[in-house]
Amino acid sequence: MGLAFFPIGSLEQHGPHLPIGTDSFIAQSIASGLSKKFPNSFVVPTLPYSSSFEHIGFPGAISLRSTTIISVVQDVIHSLERMGIQKIVLVNGHGGNYLLGNIAQEMNVDKPYVFVTPNRHHWDRAYEKAELSISISRDMHAGEGETSILLHLIEEGIIPSSVKPDKYMDVDSPNRPLLQAIGMRPYTSTGAIGFPTRASSRKGKLLLQELINQISITVEEFLGDKH
């Protein structure tokens, strides 16, 4: 059975301390880690653009329209199908890509062969097991979790040095009822929401490992197709 991991990131601001390609770096790292756990799988090159319209109040966001994302993702999936790939895991690095779930639902009508990950459960469990100080909900963008993962990737030489610790600023903004309507700007002055001052490379290593472990459990179930 052919299995492909397709990482999807974004190009958007991550506060003054993280690079605009943060989500792509994380998606790529998760996909690479997952591929090592599943023999005969491979990683598709990362799609670095997606839906980041909620970030346009800050410089750095480049977004694709929903119709464009749907077309690109489906075209890639169809190309993989023609190569004989039977199961495709979309590794989503950007929480704002809600439409990926809809793409999977539509394409799974006749058979289950597209799966989107990580989900909220994966993140919650990984935050808990890596002993991060707060939940993913309050650390949702450029906070302790994402900053820690990038610090780890830099320490391992996987990505170039791109984190600016002198720019860290914690922003606690737990209530965001109109985020989809009015974007990030009303809820944060820096563009980040979370606690980057609590980040460390050690936490990033643990968080990434636990994400991969938690996702692997669900991918195993997806490949087994018991339901």
C-alpha atoms as a PDB file:
ATOM      1  CA  MET A   1       0.000   0.000   0.000  1.00  0.00           C
ATOM      2  CA  GLY A   2       1.431   3.355  -1.020  1.00  0.00           C
ATOM      3  CA  LEU A   3       1.346   6.052   1.661  1.00  0.00           C
ATOM      4  CA  ALA A   4       2.201   9.725   1.205  1.00  0.00           C
ATOM      5  CA  PHE A   5       2.494  12.485   3.776  1.00  0.00           C
ATOM      6  CA  PHE A   6       1.645  15.882   2.274  1.00  0.00           C
ATOM      7  CA  PRO A   7       2.696  18.789   4.545  1.00  0.00           C
ATOM      8  CA  ILE A   8       0.735  22.026   4.163  1.00  0.00           C
ATOM      9  CA  GLY A   9       2.053  25.146   5.852  1.00  0.00           C
ATOM     10  CA  SER A  10       1.404  28.839   5.473  1.00  0.00           C
ATOM     11  CA  LEU A  11       3.153  32.131   4.908  1.00  0.00           C
ATOM     12  CA  GLU A  12       2.028  34.465   7.660  1.00  0.00           C
ATOM     13  CA  GLN A  13       3.300  36.627  10.482  1.00  0.00           C
ATOM     14  CA  HIS A  14       4.311  34.895  13.705  1.00  0.00           C
ATOM     15  CA  GLY A  15       4.919  37.917  15.859  1.00  0.00           C
ATOM     16  CA  PRO A  16       8.255  39.753  15.798  1.00  0.00           C
ATOM     17  CA  HIS A  17      10.226  36.702  16.989  1.00  0.00           C
ATOM     18  CA  LEU A  18       9.416  33.852  14.561  1.00  0.00           C
ATOM     19  CA  PRO A  19       9.782  33.569  10.763  1.00  0.00           C
ATOM     20  CA  ILE A  20       6.785  33.783   8.450  1.00  0.00           C
ATOM     21  CA  GLY A  21       7.412  30.190   7.328  1.00  0.00           C
ATOM     22  CA  THR A  22       6.979  28.754  10.840  1.00  0.00           C
ATOM     23  CA  ASP A  23       3.926  26.632  10.000  1.00  0.00           C
ATOM     24  CA  SER A  24       5.656  25.139   6.971  1.00  0.00           C
ATOM     25  CA  PHE A  25       8.748  24.221   9.025  1.00  0.00           C
ATOM     26  CA  ILE A  26       6.563  22.492  11.605  1.00  0.00           C
ATOM     27  CA  ALA A  27       4.401  20.655   9.055  1.00  0.00           C
ATOM     28  CA  GLN A  28       7.509  19.434   7.222  1.00  0.00           C
ATOM     29  CA  SER A  29       9.103  18.221  10.449  1.00  0.00           C
ATOM     30  CA  ILE A  30       5.990  16.329  11.532  1.00  0.00           C
ATOM     31  CA  ALA A  31       5.614  14.736   8.089  1.00  0.00           C
ATOM     32  CA  SER A  32       9.277  13.693   8.025  1.00  0.00           C
ATOM     33  CA  GLY A  33       8.987  12.168  11.498  1.00  0.00           C
ATOM     34  CA  LEU A  34       5.852  10.280  10.543  1.00  0.00           C
ATOM     35  CA  SER A  35       7.395   8.937   7.348  1.00  0.00           C
ATOM     36  CA  LYS A  36      10.224   7.376   9.370  1.00  0.00           C
ATOM     37  CA  LYS A  37       7.646   5.389  11.322  1.00  0.00           C
ATOM     38  CA  PHE A  38       5.879   4.000   8.250  1.00  0.00           C
ATOM     39  CA  PRO A  39       7.988   1.926   5.821  1.00  0.00           C
ATOM     40  CA  ASN A  40       7.484   2.554   2.101  1.00  0.00           C
ATOM     41  CA  SER A  41       5.962   5.970   2.725  1.00  0.00           C
ATOM     42  CA  PHE A  42       7.305   9.268   1.443  1.00  0.00           C
ATOM     43  CA  VAL A  43       6.908  12.997   2.016  1.00  0.00           C
ATOM     44  CA  VAL A  44       5.514  15.255  -0.676  1.00  0.00           C
ATOM     45  CA  PRO A  45       7.220  18.681  -0.947  1.00  0.00           C
ATOM     46  CA  THR A  46       5.559  21.177   1.390  1.00  0.00           C
ATOM     47  CA  LEU A  47       2.851  23.499   0.117  1.00  0.00           C
ATOM     48  CA  PRO A  48       4.036  26.796   1.682  1.00  0.00           C
ATOM     49  CA  TYR A  49       0.869  28.850   1.113  1.00  0.00           C
ATOM     50  CA  SER A  50      -2.647  28.390   2.447  1.00  0.00           C
ATOM     51  CA  SER A  51      -5.462  30.383   4.079  1.00  0.00           C
ATOM     52  CA  SER A  52      -4.095  33.135   6.335  1.00  0.00           C
ATOM     53  CA  PHE A  53      -6.601  35.927   5.861  1.00  0.00           C
ATOM     54  CA  GLU A  54      -7.039  36.357   9.623  1.00  0.00           C
ATOM     55  CA  HIS A  55      -3.444  37.655   9.725  1.00  0.00           C
ATOM     56  CA  ILE A  56      -3.711  40.423   7.122  1.00  0.00           C
ATOM     57  CA  GLY A  57      -3.753  43.028   9.897  1.00  0.00           C
ATOM     58  CA  PHE A  58       0.003  42.365  10.185  1.00  0.00           C
ATOM     59  CA  PRO A  59       2.683  42.363   7.475  1.00  0.00           C
ATOM     60  CA  GLY A  60       3.872  39.022   6.156  1.00  0.00           C
ATOM     61  CA  ALA A  61       0.669  37.164   5.301  1.00  0.00           C
ATOM     62  CA  ILE A  62       0.227  35.746   1.795  1.00  0.00           C
ATOM     63  CA  SER A  63      -3.025  33.840   1.331  1.00  0.00           C
ATOM     64  CA  LEU A  64      -4.600  31.628  -1.287  1.00  0.00           C
ATOM     65  CA  ARG A  65      -8.345  31.795  -1.840  1.00  0.00           C
ATOM     66  CA  SER A  66     -10.331  28.771  -0.721  1.00  0.00           C
ATOM     67  CA  THR A  67     -11.082  27.780  -4.311  1.00  0.00           C
ATOM     68  CA  THR A  68      -7.364  27.901  -5.126  1.00  0.00           C
ATOM     69  CA  ILE A  69      -6.391  25.769  -2.139  1.00  0.00           C
ATOM     70  CA  ILE A  70      -9.064  23.197  -2.958  1.00  0.00           C
ATOM     71  CA  SER A  71      -7.878  22.983  -6.571  1.00  0.00           C
ATOM     72  CA  VAL A  72      -4.180  22.709  -5.687  1.00  0.00           C
ATOM     73  CA  VAL A  73      -4.650  20.121  -2.934  1.00  0.00           C
ATOM     74  CA  GLN A  74      -7.006  18.009  -5.038  1.00  0.00           C
ATOM     75  CA  ASP A  75      -4.651  18.200  -8.030  1.00  0.00           C
ATOM     76  CA  VAL A  76      -1.747  16.962  -5.897  1.00  0.00           C
ATOM     77  CA  ILE A  77      -3.893  14.158  -4.472  1.00  0.00           C
ATOM     78  CA  HIS A  78      -5.029  13.075  -7.942  1.00  0.00           C
ATOM     79  CA  SER A  79      -1.399  13.074  -9.132  1.00  0.00           C
ATOM     80  CA  LEU A  80      -0.452  10.851  -6.194  1.00  0.00           C
ATOM     81  CA  GLU A  81      -3.340   8.531  -7.031  1.00  0.00           C
ATOM     82  CA  ARG A  82      -2.064   8.129 -10.563  1.00  0.00           C
ATOM     83  CA  MET A  83       1.295   7.067  -9.085  1.00  0.00           C
ATOM     84  CA  GLY A  84      -0.456   4.296  -7.183  1.00  0.00           C
ATOM     85  CA  ILE A  85      -0.625   6.009  -3.784  1.00  0.00           C
ATOM     86  CA  GLN A  86      -3.625   4.606  -1.932  1.00  0.00           C
ATOM     87  CA  LYS A  87      -3.526   6.560   1.331  1.00  0.00           C
ATOM     88  CA  ILE A  88      -2.689  10.260   1.727  1.00  0.00           C
ATOM     89  CA  VAL A  89      -2.170  12.095   5.007  1.00  0.00           C
ATOM     90  CA  LEU A  90      -2.416  15.881   4.855  1.00  0.00           C
ATOM     91  CA  VAL A  91      -0.140  17.232   7.595  1.00  0.00           C
ATOM     92  CA  ASN A  92      -1.624  20.623   8.393  1.00  0.00           C
ATOM     93  CA  GLY A  93       0.729  23.130   9.996  1.00  0.00           C
ATOM     94  CA  HIS A  94      -1.767  26.003  10.133  1.00  0.00           C
ATOM     95  CA  GLY A  95      -4.835  25.913  12.381  1.00  0.00           C
ATOM     96  CA  GLY A  96      -6.724  28.287  10.104  1.00  0.00           C
ATOM     97  CA  ASN A  97      -6.953  25.732   7.302  1.00  0.00           C
ATOM     98  CA  TYR A  98     -10.446  24.613   8.243  1.00  0.00           C
ATOM     99  CA  LEU A  99     -11.305  23.737   4.650  1.00  0.00           C
ATOM    100  CA  LEU A 100      -8.832  20.831   4.545  1.00  0.00           C
ATOM    101  CA  GLY A 101     -11.319  18.788   6.542  1.00  0.00           C
ATOM    102  CA  ASN A 102     -13.998  19.526   3.971  1.00  0.00           C
ATOM    103  CA  ILE A 103     -11.684  18.489   1.144  1.00  0.00           C
ATOM    104  CA  ALA A 104     -11.065  15.169   2.887  1.00  0.00           C
ATOM    105  CA  GLN A 105     -14.771  14.615   3.549  1.00  0.00           C
ATOM    106  CA  GLU A 106     -15.614  15.144  -0.106  1.00  0.00           C
ATOM    107  CA  MET A 107     -12.809  12.959  -1.408  1.00  0.00           C
ATOM    108  CA  ASN A 108     -13.597  10.138   1.038  1.00  0.00           C
ATOM    109  CA  VAL A 109     -17.187   9.630  -0.099  1.00  0.00           C
ATOM    110  CA  ASP A 110     -16.393   6.445  -2.045  1.00  0.00           C
ATOM    111  CA  LYS A 111     -13.427   5.222  -0.009  1.00  0.00           C
ATOM    112  CA  PRO A 112     -11.394   6.533   2.941  1.00  0.00           C
ATOM    113  CA  TYR A 113      -8.049   7.557   1.489  1.00  0.00           C
ATOM    114  CA  VAL A 114      -7.421  11.156   2.649  1.00  0.00           C
ATOM    115  CA  PHE A 115      -6.795  12.014   6.288  1.00  0.00           C
ATOM    116  CA  VAL A 116      -6.007  15.406   7.851  1.00  0.00           C
ATOM    117  CA  THR A 117      -3.756  15.682  10.882  1.00  0.00           C
ATOM    118  CA  PRO A 118      -2.890  16.802  13.551  1.00  0.00           C
ATOM    119  CA  ASN A 119      -6.235  17.325  15.222  1.00  0.00           C
ATOM    120  CA  ARG A 120      -6.964  19.114  18.493  1.00  0.00           C
ATOM    121  CA  HIS A 121      -6.641  15.884  20.481  1.00  0.00           C
ATOM    122  CA  HIS A 122      -3.128  15.316  19.117  1.00  0.00           C
ATOM    123  CA  TRP A 123      -2.058  18.833  20.128  1.00  0.00           C
ATOM    124  CA  ASP A 124      -3.686  18.639  23.554  1.00  0.00           C
ATOM    125  CA  ARG A 125      -2.062  15.299  24.361  1.00  0.00           C
ATOM    126  CA  ALA A 126       1.314  16.436  23.081  1.00  0.00           C
ATOM    127  CA  TYR A 127       1.186  19.654  25.151  1.00  0.00           C
ATOM    128  CA  GLU A 128       0.300  17.581  28.214  1.00  0.00           C
ATOM    129  CA  LYS A 129       2.980  14.931  27.716  1.00  0.00           C
ATOM    130  CA  ALA A 130       5.672  17.491  26.866  1.00  0.00           C
ATOM    131  CA  GLU A 131       4.692  19.340  30.061  1.00  0.00           C
ATOM    132  CA  LEU A 132       4.134  22.713  28.464  1.00  0.00           C
ATOM    133  CA  SER A 133       2.856  25.334  30.846  1.00  0.00           C
ATOM    134  CA  ILE A 134      -0.476  26.145  29.222  1.00  0.00           C
ATOM    135  CA  SER A 135      -3.031  24.695  26.778  1.00  0.00           C
ATOM    136  CA  ILE A 136      -2.820  24.987  22.992  1.00  0.00           C
ATOM    137  CA  SER A 137      -5.961  27.156  23.096  1.00  0.00           C
ATOM    138  CA  ARG A 138      -4.197  29.900  25.063  1.00  0.00           C
ATOM    139  CA  ASP A 139      -0.905  29.296  23.253  1.00  0.00           C
ATOM    140  CA  MET A 140      -2.401  29.227  19.786  1.00  0.00           C
ATOM    141  CA  HIS A 141       0.000  31.296  17.686  1.00  0.00           C
ATOM    142  CA  ALA A 142       3.776  31.832  17.970  1.00  0.00           C
ATOM    143  CA  GLY A 143       3.702  30.945  21.660  1.00  0.00           C
ATOM    144  CA  GLU A 144       5.547  28.477  23.854  1.00  0.00           C
ATOM    145  CA  GLY A 145       4.823  25.483  21.608  1.00  0.00           C
ATOM    146  CA  GLU A 146       5.725  26.798  18.171  1.00  0.00           C
ATOM    147  CA  THR A 147       8.697  28.750  19.470  1.00  0.00           C
ATOM    148  CA  SER A 148      10.014  25.678  21.280  1.00  0.00           C
ATOM    149  CA  ILE A 149       9.730  23.493  18.167  1.00  0.00           C
ATOM    150  CA  LEU A 150      11.652  26.016  16.080  1.00  0.00           C
ATOM    151  CA  LEU A 151      14.356  26.311  18.731  1.00  0.00           C
ATOM    152  CA  HIS A 152      14.726  22.526  18.592  1.00  0.00           C
ATOM    153  CA  LEU A 153      14.878  22.475  14.779  1.00  0.00           C
ATOM    154  CA  ILE A 154      17.550  25.174  14.847  1.00  0.00           C
ATOM    155  CA  GLU A 155      19.588  23.317  17.466  1.00  0.00           C
ATOM    156  CA  GLU A 156      19.450  20.179  15.313  1.00  0.00           C
ATOM    157  CA  GLY A 157      20.574  22.119  12.236  1.00  0.00           C
ATOM    158  CA  ILE A 158      17.351  21.324  10.384  1.00  0.00           C
ATOM    159  CA  ILE A 159      16.487  24.974   9.726  1.00  0.00           C
ATOM    160  CA  PRO A 160      18.649  28.114   9.835  1.00  0.00           C
ATOM    161  CA  SER A 161      18.710  30.320  12.917  1.00  0.00           C
ATOM    162  CA  SER A 162      15.555  32.408  12.633  1.00  0.00           C
ATOM    163  CA  VAL A 163      14.199  32.931  16.162  1.00  0.00           C
ATOM    164  CA  LYS A 164      14.695  36.302  17.883  1.00  0.00           C
ATOM    165  CA  PRO A 165      14.589  35.795  21.675  1.00  0.00           C
ATOM    166  CA  ASP A 166      15.053  39.523  22.280  1.00  0.00           C
ATOM    167  CA  LYS A 167      11.650  40.051  20.629  1.00  0.00           C
ATOM    168  CA  TYR A 168       9.705  37.632  22.849  1.00  0.00           C
ATOM    169  CA  MET A 169       6.533  39.108  24.339  1.00  0.00           C
ATOM    170  CA  ASP A 170       3.817  37.053  26.020  1.00  0.00           C
ATOM    171  CA  VAL A 171       0.235  37.792  25.026  1.00  0.00           C
ATOM    172  CA  ASP A 172      -2.596  36.176  26.977  1.00  0.00           C
ATOM    173  CA  SER A 173      -5.762  36.535  24.920  1.00  0.00           C
ATOM    174  CA  PRO A 174      -7.960  33.523  25.709  1.00  0.00           C
ATOM    175  CA  ASN A 175     -11.285  34.944  24.500  1.00  0.00           C
ATOM    176  CA  ARG A 176     -11.435  35.397  20.724  1.00  0.00           C
ATOM    177  CA  PRO A 177     -15.112  34.984  19.775  1.00  0.00           C
ATOM    178  CA  LEU A 178     -14.915  37.011  16.555  1.00  0.00           C
ATOM    179  CA  LEU A 179     -11.543  35.828  15.261  1.00  0.00           C
ATOM    180  CA  GLN A 180     -12.968  34.599  11.964  1.00  0.00           C
ATOM    181  CA  ALA A 181     -14.835  37.863  11.442  1.00  0.00           C
ATOM    182  CA  ILE A 182     -12.286  40.489  12.498  1.00  0.00           C
ATOM    183  CA  GLY A 183      -8.950  38.658  12.438  1.00  0.00           C
ATOM    184  CA  MET A 184      -6.036  38.644  14.857  1.00  0.00           C
ATOM    185  CA  ARG A 185      -5.353  42.365  15.231  1.00  0.00           C
ATOM    186  CA  PRO A 186      -8.037  43.140  17.863  1.00  0.00           C
ATOM    187  CA  TYR A 187      -6.748  40.315  20.083  1.00  0.00           C
ATOM    188  CA  THR A 188      -2.994  40.921  20.007  1.00  0.00           C
ATOM    189  CA  SER A 189      -0.692  43.892  19.605  1.00  0.00           C
ATOM    190  CA  THR A 190       2.286  41.751  18.541  1.00  0.00           C
ATOM    191  CA  GLY A 191       0.598  39.264  16.201  1.00  0.00           C
ATOM    192  CA  ALA A 192       1.320  36.399  18.602  1.00  0.00           C
ATOM    193  CA  ILE A 193      -1.021  34.799  21.123  1.00  0.00           C
ATOM    194  CA  GLY A 194       0.768  32.704  23.727  1.00  0.00           C
ATOM    195  CA  PHE A 195       3.872  32.547  25.874  1.00  0.00           C
ATOM    196  CA  PRO A 196       7.131  32.474  23.897  1.00  0.00           C
ATOM    197  CA  THR A 197       9.158  33.515  26.961  1.00  0.00           C
ATOM    198  CA  ARG A 198       8.542  29.988  28.324  1.00  0.00           C
ATOM    199  CA  ALA A 199       9.939  28.271  25.225  1.00  0.00           C
ATOM    200  CA  SER A 200      12.996  26.025  25.128  1.00  0.00           C
ATOM    201  CA  SER A 201      14.629  23.631  22.706  1.00  0.00           C
ATOM    202  CA  ARG A 202      14.078  20.769  25.171  1.00  0.00           C
ATOM    203  CA  LYS A 203      10.343  21.425  25.227  1.00  0.00           C
ATOM    204  CA  GLY A 204      10.334  21.640  21.445  1.00  0.00           C
ATOM    205  CA  LYS A 205      11.998  18.243  21.101  1.00  0.00           C
ATOM    206  CA  LEU A 206       9.503  16.628  23.453  1.00  0.00           C
ATOM    207  CA  LEU A 207       6.522  18.362  21.856  1.00  0.00           C
ATOM    208  CA  LEU A 208       7.505  17.337  18.337  1.00  0.00           C
ATOM    209  CA  GLN A 209       8.167  13.750  19.420  1.00  0.00           C
ATOM    210  CA  GLU A 210       4.824  13.512  21.201  1.00  0.00           C
ATOM    211  CA  LEU A 211       2.945  15.017  18.257  1.00  0.00           C
ATOM    212  CA  ILE A 212       4.464  12.398  15.972  1.00  0.00           C
ATOM    213  CA  ASN A 213       3.692   9.622  18.469  1.00  0.00           C
ATOM    214  CA  GLN A 214       0.079  10.717  18.953  1.00  0.00           C
ATOM    215  CA  ILE A 215      -0.532  11.173  15.227  1.00  0.00           C
ATOM    216  CA  SER A 216       1.059   7.790  14.454  1.00  0.00           C
ATOM    217  CA  ILE A 217      -1.581   6.040  16.545  1.00  0.00           C
ATOM    218  CA  THR A 218      -4.354   7.590  14.470  1.00  0.00           C
ATOM    219  CA  VAL A 219      -2.548   6.965  11.173  1.00  0.00           C
ATOM    220  CA  GLU A 220      -2.244   3.280  12.098  1.00  0.00           C
ATOM    221  CA  GLU A 221      -6.019   3.178  12.565  1.00  0.00           C
ATOM    222  CA  PHE A 222      -6.507   5.014   9.261  1.00  0.00           C
ATOM    223  CA  LEU A 223      -4.325   2.495   7.431  1.00  0.00           C
ATOM    224  CA  GLY A 224      -6.141  -0.406   9.072  1.00  0.00           C
ATOM    225  CA  ASP A 225      -9.436   1.058   7.858  1.00  0.00           C
ATOM    226  CA  LYS A 226     -11.414  -0.940  10.455  1.00  0.00           C
ATOM    227  CA  HIS A 227     -14.465   1.296  10.251  1.00  0.00           C
END
